[in-house]
Amino acid sequence: MIPIFDISAETSADPSEPAFVLARPHRTVVAQGVGRVFHSAQEAVTALRGGQVGHIVGALPFSPGAPAALFAPESVSVTDTGYRPAMPNGLPHFEIDTALPPPDTHTQRVAAAVRLLADPTHPIRKVVLARAIRARASQRMRPAELLDLLVSTDPVGNGFLVDLSAAGMPYRGRHLVGSSPEILIRREGTEVLSHPLAGSARRATDSDADRRAADNLLASSKDQHEHRYVTDQVSGVLRDRCASVRTPGSPELTGTPEMWHLGTPITATVPVDGPSALELAAALHPTPAICGTPTADAARLIAEIEGDRGFYAGAVGWCDAEGNGEWMVSIRCAELAADGLSLLAHAGGGIVAESDPAAELAETTGKFQRILGPLGISDLPVTVA
């Protein structure tokens, strides 16, 4: 029997604010109100397949064993148009409070991981290491204001917002807000798409330098090596659950305003009653793009080095009773505190034996700009103060 949780005891969210938004160029999903809560993907899948709820929205944490923030909304709107953000007006001023860890410590962690990965007897071949920046505001920022700011500064209008209260304490009143470019899984009818990203380079303001950065990324054996771990894992998971899996032989460039990425669109088909978008998301997560390979070993190493990532590098999305839905990898995001006065942003990079610690630090600095840049934070600390 699926337990029913009383969300009124777990959330202090403003009822006028959306509880969930997924903004994509082709579709916008907006959910109001938190109804029945599910602390695991399996509980939510059972309720969907049993016809007990019509939609599930929310977020999966980085660690599959941690409580999820999944819920059946009180109402949901699905439209085949992009999200229209409100014009930002009088936004609070943010300043960096803390780097977690300091930049020099992050480069030391990367250097230690490189030495470990260079040992042919060690099982881990890739690990994704992240760092965080805490910023504080001059006045309260509403979650929807941050979403509108991020969507309005993304060329294709990507964005998401999730009330994390469904995960219980200590997430009551907190929101995960971001603008992710990475599709973990999308299912529309019988068609399935996953578009993993792995291998990155910071973009340049000069057009010639920017093109060189893109060309160098495509030619990089290190980044191609890193990317292959991801496509092999995603393709294997989909082959076990889907038919007609099609994986291109080489990645293509995917651009955001701040970064170039190597990306591979992997497609498949499923029967009408086959695995839902949520089931496929749970099976795929965490991919080597945000964890490493082998997955279990890399996840243990991340826990030892970083501690609990919470909902950073998890997945955010929705699923309906017919199995349709879309789940984005929760990167380029920040957790906004319940009082709206501080946020915690993460950025990470895939480490392999060929990685350079200084380059990895620069990569995370570029990735932070998707969140911190629109808030007016352009100068990040690069050394220990």
Protein backbone atom coordinates (compact mmCIF):
# COMPACT_ATOMS: atom_id res chain seq x y z
CA MET A 1 0.00 0.00 0.00
CA ILE A 2 1.32 3.43 -0.95
CA PRO A 3 1.54 5.78 2.05
CA ILE A 4 -0.18 9.14 1.82
CA PHE A 5 1.72 12.02 3.40
CA ASP A 6 0.27 15.22 4.80
CA ILE A 7 2.11 17.89 2.84
CA SER A 8 0.67 20.64 5.06
CA ALA A 9 3.05 19.50 7.77
CA GLU A 10 6.02 19.64 5.40
CA THR A 11 5.70 22.81 3.37
CA SER A 12 5.51 26.50 4.01
CA ALA A 13 5.35 27.42 0.33
CA ASP A 14 3.37 30.45 -0.82
CA PRO A 15 0.18 29.03 -2.40
CA SER A 16 0.26 31.79 -5.04
CA GLU A 17 3.63 30.53 -6.32
CA PRO A 18 3.87 27.58 -8.71
CA ALA A 19 5.06 24.39 -7.04
CA PHE A 20 6.70 23.17 -10.24
CA VAL A 21 7.66 24.57 -13.63
CA LEU A 22 9.52 22.92 -16.48
CA ALA A 23 10.14 25.40 -19.29
CA ARG A 24 11.33 23.94 -22.56
CA PRO A 25 11.34 25.43 -26.08
CA HIS A 26 8.61 23.03 -27.24
CA ARG A 27 6.53 22.70 -24.05
CA THR A 28 5.78 24.30 -20.69
CA VAL A 29 4.51 22.40 -17.66
CA VAL A 30 3.25 24.41 -14.69
CA ALA A 31 1.87 22.75 -11.56
CA GLN A 32 0.09 24.41 -8.65
CA GLY A 33 -0.28 22.96 -5.18
CA VAL A 34 1.37 19.94 -3.61
CA GLY A 35 -1.02 17.04 -3.17
CA ARG A 36 0.02 13.47 -2.54
CA VAL A 37 3.74 13.11 -1.82
CA PHE A 38 6.03 10.27 -2.85
CA HIS A 39 9.49 9.83 -1.38
CA SER A 40 10.73 7.45 -4.08
CA ALA A 41 10.34 7.05 -7.82
CA GLN A 42 8.96 3.53 -7.34
CA GLU A 43 6.13 4.78 -5.11
CA ALA A 44 5.24 7.39 -7.73
CA VAL A 45 5.40 4.88 -10.60
CA THR A 46 3.05 2.53 -8.75
CA ALA A 47 0.53 5.32 -8.22
CA LEU A 48 0.68 6.35 -11.87
CA ARG A 49 0.31 2.81 -13.20
CA GLY A 50 -2.53 2.14 -10.77
CA GLY A 51 -4.46 5.17 -11.97
CA GLN A 52 -4.34 6.73 -8.50
CA VAL A 53 -2.90 10.01 -9.83
CA GLY A 54 -2.79 11.61 -13.26
CA HIS A 55 0.56 13.41 -13.06
CA ILE A 56 3.77 13.27 -11.06
CA VAL A 57 6.12 16.24 -10.95
CA GLY A 58 9.21 17.05 -8.94
CA ALA A 59 12.85 16.16 -8.45
CA LEU A 60 15.06 13.14 -7.89
CA PRO A 61 18.09 13.64 -5.62
CA PHE A 62 21.64 12.88 -6.72
CA SER A 63 21.73 9.87 -4.42
CA PRO A 64 19.00 7.40 -5.51
CA GLY A 65 18.51 6.23 -1.92
CA ALA A 66 17.77 9.70 -0.53
CA PRO A 67 14.18 11.02 -0.23
CA ALA A 68 12.83 12.40 -3.49
CA ALA A 69 10.70 15.52 -3.89
CA LEU A 70 7.95 13.96 -6.01
CA PHE A 71 4.29 14.84 -5.75
CA ALA A 72 0.96 14.78 -7.51
CA PRO A 73 0.03 18.44 -8.07
CA GLU A 74 -3.40 19.83 -7.25
CA SER A 75 -3.57 21.20 -10.79
CA VAL A 76 -1.28 21.04 -13.82
CA SER A 77 -1.10 22.83 -17.15
CA VAL A 78 0.77 21.34 -20.13
CA THR A 79 1.07 23.63 -23.16
CA ASP A 80 2.97 23.16 -26.40
CA THR A 81 4.55 26.61 -26.20
CA GLY A 82 7.56 28.12 -24.51
CA TYR A 83 7.40 29.71 -21.08
CA ARG A 84 6.82 33.45 -20.99
CA PRO A 85 8.81 34.93 -18.13
CA ALA A 86 7.79 38.11 -16.40
CA MET A 87 10.17 40.99 -16.93
CA PRO A 88 12.61 41.15 -14.00
CA ASN A 89 12.06 44.32 -12.00
CA GLY A 90 13.98 45.57 -8.98
CA LEU A 91 15.78 42.30 -8.29
CA PRO A 92 17.86 42.02 -5.10
CA HIS A 93 21.61 42.44 -5.15
CA PHE A 94 23.56 39.23 -4.55
CA GLU A 95 27.11 38.89 -3.25
CA ILE A 96 29.30 35.80 -2.82
CA ASP A 97 29.39 34.61 0.77
CA THR A 98 31.37 31.37 0.70
CA ALA A 99 33.16 29.07 -1.74
CA LEU A 100 32.65 25.42 -0.78
CA PRO A 101 35.39 24.30 -0.92
CA PRO A 102 37.84 27.14 -1.64
CA PRO A 103 39.12 27.02 -5.25
CA ASP A 104 42.58 25.78 -4.27
CA THR A 105 41.04 22.89 -2.36
CA HIS A 106 38.98 21.94 -5.41
CA THR A 107 42.09 21.82 -7.62
CA GLN A 108 43.82 19.68 -4.99
CA ARG A 109 40.86 17.30 -4.99
CA VAL A 110 40.99 17.10 -8.78
CA ALA A 111 44.74 16.45 -8.74
CA ALA A 112 44.25 13.64 -6.22
CA ALA A 113 41.49 12.14 -8.38
CA VAL A 114 43.72 12.31 -11.48
CA ARG A 115 46.44 10.35 -9.67
CA LEU A 116 43.88 7.78 -8.57
CA LEU A 117 42.41 7.41 -12.07
CA ALA A 118 45.87 7.01 -13.57
CA ASP A 119 46.33 3.83 -11.51
CA PRO A 120 45.30 0.99 -13.83
CA THR A 121 44.47 -1.22 -10.84
CA HIS A 122 41.85 1.19 -9.49
CA PRO A 123 38.28 0.43 -10.63
CA ILE A 124 37.15 4.05 -11.21
CA ARG A 125 37.74 5.37 -14.72
CA LYS A 126 35.83 8.67 -14.39
CA VAL A 127 34.47 10.71 -11.50
CA VAL A 128 32.57 14.01 -11.55
CA LEU A 129 33.74 16.44 -8.88
CA ALA A 130 31.75 19.55 -8.02
CA ARG A 131 32.13 22.66 -5.93
CA ALA A 132 29.60 25.16 -4.64
CA ILE A 133 29.16 28.90 -4.18
CA ARG A 134 26.86 30.36 -1.54
CA ALA A 135 25.54 33.82 -2.30
CA ARG A 136 23.47 36.16 -0.14
CA ALA A 137 20.90 38.72 -1.20
CA SER A 138 20.14 42.23 -0.05
CA GLN A 139 16.44 41.38 0.06
CA ARG A 140 14.20 38.36 -0.45
CA MET A 141 14.03 36.79 -3.90
CA ARG A 142 10.97 34.76 -4.80
CA PRO A 143 11.58 31.43 -6.57
CA ALA A 144 9.48 32.54 -9.57
CA GLU A 145 11.61 35.70 -9.90
CA LEU A 146 14.76 33.60 -10.16
CA LEU A 147 13.09 31.30 -12.69
CA ASP A 148 11.96 34.26 -14.81
CA LEU A 149 15.47 35.72 -14.72
CA LEU A 150 17.07 32.46 -15.85
CA VAL A 151 14.54 31.75 -18.61
CA SER A 152 14.77 35.30 -19.94
CA THR A 153 18.57 35.01 -20.20
CA ASP A 154 18.59 31.60 -21.90
CA PRO A 155 18.42 31.76 -25.72
CA VAL A 156 16.05 28.78 -25.99
CA GLY A 157 14.07 29.47 -22.83
CA ASN A 158 15.10 26.52 -20.66
CA GLY A 159 14.25 26.66 -16.98
CA PHE A 160 12.85 24.74 -14.04
CA LEU A 161 11.49 25.33 -10.56
CA VAL A 162 10.66 22.72 -7.93
CA ASP A 163 9.31 23.16 -4.43
CA LEU A 164 11.52 20.71 -2.50
CA SER A 165 9.26 20.60 0.57
CA ALA A 166 7.98 17.16 -0.47
CA ALA A 167 11.40 15.74 0.49
CA GLY A 168 10.69 16.62 4.12
CA MET A 169 13.06 18.31 6.52
CA PRO A 170 15.47 20.02 5.96
CA TYR A 171 13.99 20.99 2.56
CA ARG A 172 10.81 22.61 3.83
CA GLY A 173 10.24 25.86 1.92
CA ARG A 174 13.36 25.46 -0.24
CA HIS A 175 13.23 25.55 -4.04
CA LEU A 176 15.51 24.17 -6.73
CA VAL A 177 15.67 26.63 -9.63
CA GLY A 178 17.80 26.31 -12.72
CA SER A 179 18.26 26.29 -16.47
CA SER A 180 19.57 22.90 -17.56
CA PRO A 181 20.57 22.08 -21.14
CA GLU A 182 20.73 18.29 -20.59
CA ILE A 183 17.83 15.94 -21.35
CA LEU A 184 18.02 12.83 -19.22
CA ILE A 185 14.95 11.33 -20.91
CA ARG A 186 11.89 12.40 -22.85
CA ARG A 187 9.03 10.12 -23.83
CA GLU A 188 6.29 11.18 -26.24
CA GLY A 189 3.99 8.30 -27.11
CA THR A 190 6.29 5.50 -28.21
CA GLU A 191 9.28 7.76 -28.99
CA VAL A 192 12.13 8.13 -26.51
CA LEU A 193 15.04 10.59 -26.50
CA SER A 194 18.05 10.99 -24.23
CA HIS A 195 20.63 13.70 -24.97
CA PRO A 196 23.55 13.32 -22.56
CA LEU A 197 26.26 15.98 -22.38
CA ALA A 198 29.83 15.25 -21.31
CA GLY A 199 32.99 17.07 -22.27
CA SER A 200 32.89 20.86 -21.97
CA ALA A 201 34.77 24.03 -22.84
CA ARG A 202 34.11 27.61 -21.78
CA ARG A 203 32.95 29.90 -24.58
CA ALA A 204 34.84 33.05 -25.59
CA THR A 205 33.39 36.47 -26.32
CA ASP A 206 35.54 36.82 -29.45
CA SER A 207 33.94 34.88 -32.34
CA ASP A 208 37.24 33.47 -33.65
CA ALA A 209 38.36 32.36 -30.21
CA ASP A 210 34.92 30.89 -29.58
CA ARG A 211 35.12 28.82 -32.77
CA ARG A 212 38.60 27.61 -31.81
CA ALA A 213 37.26 26.54 -28.40
CA ALA A 214 34.49 24.57 -30.12
CA ASP A 215 36.87 22.97 -32.63
CA ASN A 216 39.36 22.06 -29.90
CA LEU A 217 36.59 20.43 -27.87
CA LEU A 218 35.50 18.31 -30.83
CA ALA A 219 39.11 17.26 -31.44
CA SER A 220 39.93 16.56 -27.79
CA SER A 221 40.69 12.89 -27.17
CA LYS A 222 40.27 13.49 -23.44
CA ASP A 223 36.73 14.86 -23.87
CA GLN A 224 35.77 12.23 -26.44
CA HIS A 225 36.99 9.59 -23.99
CA GLU A 226 34.93 11.11 -21.19
CA HIS A 227 31.85 11.37 -23.42
CA ARG A 228 31.99 7.75 -24.52
CA TYR A 229 31.50 6.52 -20.95
CA VAL A 230 28.17 8.34 -20.88
CA THR A 231 26.83 7.23 -24.25
CA ASP A 232 27.78 3.62 -23.56
CA GLN A 233 25.86 3.63 -20.26
CA VAL A 234 22.77 5.41 -21.60
CA SER A 235 22.61 3.20 -24.68
CA GLY A 236 22.96 0.06 -22.56
CA VAL A 237 20.17 1.05 -20.16
CA LEU A 238 17.84 1.89 -23.04
CA ARG A 239 18.63 -1.34 -24.89
CA ASP A 240 17.52 -3.28 -21.81
CA ARG A 241 14.14 -1.50 -21.76
CA CYS A 242 13.44 -0.20 -25.27
CA ALA A 243 13.59 -1.23 -28.91
CA SER A 244 15.36 0.29 -31.92
CA VAL A 245 17.97 2.15 -29.88
CA ARG A 246 19.94 4.45 -32.16
CA THR A 247 23.22 5.94 -30.93
CA PRO A 248 25.23 8.16 -33.33
CA GLY A 249 28.85 7.14 -33.73
CA SER A 250 30.26 10.50 -32.67
CA PRO A 251 29.05 13.42 -30.57
CA GLU A 252 27.98 16.84 -31.83
CA LEU A 253 28.44 20.30 -30.37
CA THR A 254 25.77 21.66 -28.05
CA GLY A 255 26.09 25.31 -27.11
CA THR A 256 24.80 27.41 -24.21
CA PRO A 257 25.63 31.08 -23.68
CA GLU A 258 28.49 30.11 -21.37
CA MET A 259 29.73 26.70 -22.52
CA TRP A 260 30.30 24.33 -25.41
CA HIS A 261 29.42 20.68 -24.71
CA LEU A 262 29.78 17.38 -26.50
CA GLY A 263 26.30 15.89 -26.84
CA THR A 264 24.82 12.76 -28.39
CA PRO A 265 21.07 12.46 -29.13
CA ILE A 266 20.15 8.82 -28.43
CA THR A 267 16.70 7.69 -29.59
CA ALA A 268 14.59 4.57 -29.02
CA THR A 269 11.02 3.29 -29.13
CA VAL A 270 8.82 1.69 -26.46
CA PRO A 271 5.42 0.00 -26.52
CA VAL A 272 2.47 2.11 -25.43
CA ASP A 273 2.41 0.24 -22.11
CA GLY A 274 6.21 0.18 -21.87
CA PRO A 275 8.37 1.98 -19.31
CA SER A 276 7.24 5.50 -18.52
CA ALA A 277 9.41 8.59 -18.64
CA LEU A 278 9.77 8.41 -14.85
CA GLU A 279 10.74 4.73 -14.93
CA LEU A 280 13.37 5.42 -17.59
CA ALA A 281 14.68 8.42 -15.65
CA ALA A 282 15.07 6.33 -12.50
CA ALA A 283 16.85 3.59 -14.46
CA LEU A 284 19.29 6.00 -16.11
CA HIS A 285 20.09 8.18 -13.12
CA PRO A 286 22.84 8.88 -12.19
CA THR A 287 24.66 8.78 -15.51
CA PRO A 288 28.45 9.04 -15.86
CA ALA A 289 27.86 12.63 -17.02
CA ILE A 290 27.20 13.72 -13.43
CA CYS A 291 28.58 10.81 -11.40
CA GLY A 292 31.26 8.73 -13.10
CA THR A 293 32.01 5.15 -13.99
CA PRO A 294 31.60 2.57 -12.60
CA THR A 295 28.60 4.34 -11.12
CA ALA A 296 28.55 2.84 -7.62
CA ASP A 297 32.29 3.29 -7.07
CA ALA A 298 32.22 6.87 -8.36
CA ALA A 299 29.20 7.73 -6.18
CA ARG A 300 30.99 6.43 -3.07
CA LEU A 301 34.06 8.52 -3.88
CA ILE A 302 31.91 11.63 -4.41
CA ALA A 303 30.23 11.09 -1.05
CA GLU A 304 33.63 10.77 0.64
CA ILE A 305 34.99 13.94 -0.99
CA GLU A 306 31.94 16.22 -1.22
CA GLY A 307 29.38 14.87 1.22
CA ASP A 308 25.68 15.07 0.35
CA ARG A 309 24.88 16.83 -2.94
CA GLY A 310 21.17 17.03 -2.21
CA PHE A 311 19.25 17.68 -5.43
CA TYR A 312 22.17 19.05 -7.43
CA ALA A 313 23.00 16.61 -10.27
CA GLY A 314 19.70 14.81 -9.76
CA ALA A 315 16.79 15.08 -12.19
CA VAL A 316 13.79 17.39 -12.52
CA GLY A 317 10.70 16.58 -14.55
CA TRP A 318 7.17 15.30 -14.96
CA CYS A 319 5.30 12.20 -16.05
CA ASP A 320 1.65 11.49 -16.81
CA ALA A 321 -0.43 8.33 -16.47
CA GLU A 322 0.19 7.46 -20.15
CA GLY A 323 3.95 7.39 -19.52
CA ASN A 324 4.72 10.62 -21.35
CA GLY A 325 7.04 13.12 -19.75
CA GLU A 326 10.44 14.73 -19.67
CA TRP A 327 13.27 14.75 -17.12
CA MET A 328 16.21 17.14 -17.21
CA VAL A 329 19.49 16.62 -15.37
CA SER A 330 19.45 19.16 -12.53
CA ILE A 331 22.59 21.10 -13.39
CA ARG A 332 23.05 24.87 -13.85
CA CYS A 333 20.85 25.29 -10.81
CA ALA A 334 20.74 26.67 -7.30
CA GLU A 335 18.88 25.80 -4.15
CA LEU A 336 17.08 28.92 -2.93
CA ALA A 337 16.64 29.08 0.85
CA ALA A 338 13.17 29.21 2.38
CA ASP A 339 13.67 32.86 3.35
CA GLY A 340 14.80 33.78 -0.18
CA LEU A 341 17.89 35.50 1.18
CA SER A 342 20.56 33.00 0.15
CA LEU A 343 21.19 30.41 -2.52
CA LEU A 344 23.64 27.57 -3.03
CA ALA A 345 24.84 26.96 -6.60
CA HIS A 346 26.91 23.97 -7.74
CA ALA A 347 29.11 23.31 -10.76
CA GLY A 348 31.11 20.21 -11.60
CA GLY A 349 33.23 18.56 -14.23
CA GLY A 350 34.12 15.06 -15.32
CA ILE A 351 37.58 13.96 -14.23
CA VAL A 352 39.54 11.32 -16.13
CA ALA A 353 43.22 10.40 -16.03
CA GLU A 354 44.04 13.06 -18.66
CA SER A 355 42.35 15.93 -16.78
CA ASP A 356 44.20 19.12 -15.86
CA PRO A 357 43.22 20.53 -12.44
CA ALA A 358 43.51 24.19 -13.47
CA ALA A 359 41.38 23.58 -16.57
CA GLU A 360 38.79 21.79 -14.47
CA LEU A 361 38.56 24.75 -12.09
CA ALA A 362 38.09 27.09 -15.07
CA GLU A 363 35.34 24.83 -16.41
CA THR A 364 33.36 25.05 -13.19
CA THR A 365 33.84 28.82 -13.13
CA GLY A 366 32.26 29.02 -16.59
CA LYS A 367 29.36 26.78 -15.60
CA PHE A 368 28.59 28.91 -12.53
CA GLN A 369 27.86 31.85 -14.83
CA ARG A 370 24.55 30.34 -16.00
CA ILE A 371 23.22 31.01 -12.48
CA LEU A 372 25.44 33.72 -11.03
CA GLY A 373 25.88 35.88 -14.12
CA PRO A 374 22.21 36.93 -14.37
CA LEU A 375 22.36 37.80 -10.65
CA GLY A 376 25.19 40.23 -11.33
CA ILE A 377 27.98 38.05 -9.95
CA SER A 378 30.73 37.87 -12.59
CA ASP A 379 33.92 37.73 -10.53
CA LEU A 380 34.44 34.42 -8.73
CA PRO A 381 37.32 33.76 -6.34
CA VAL A 382 40.08 31.76 -8.03
CA THR A 383 42.46 31.25 -5.10
CA VAL A 384 42.20 30.86 -1.36
CA ALA A 385 41.83 34.29 0.26
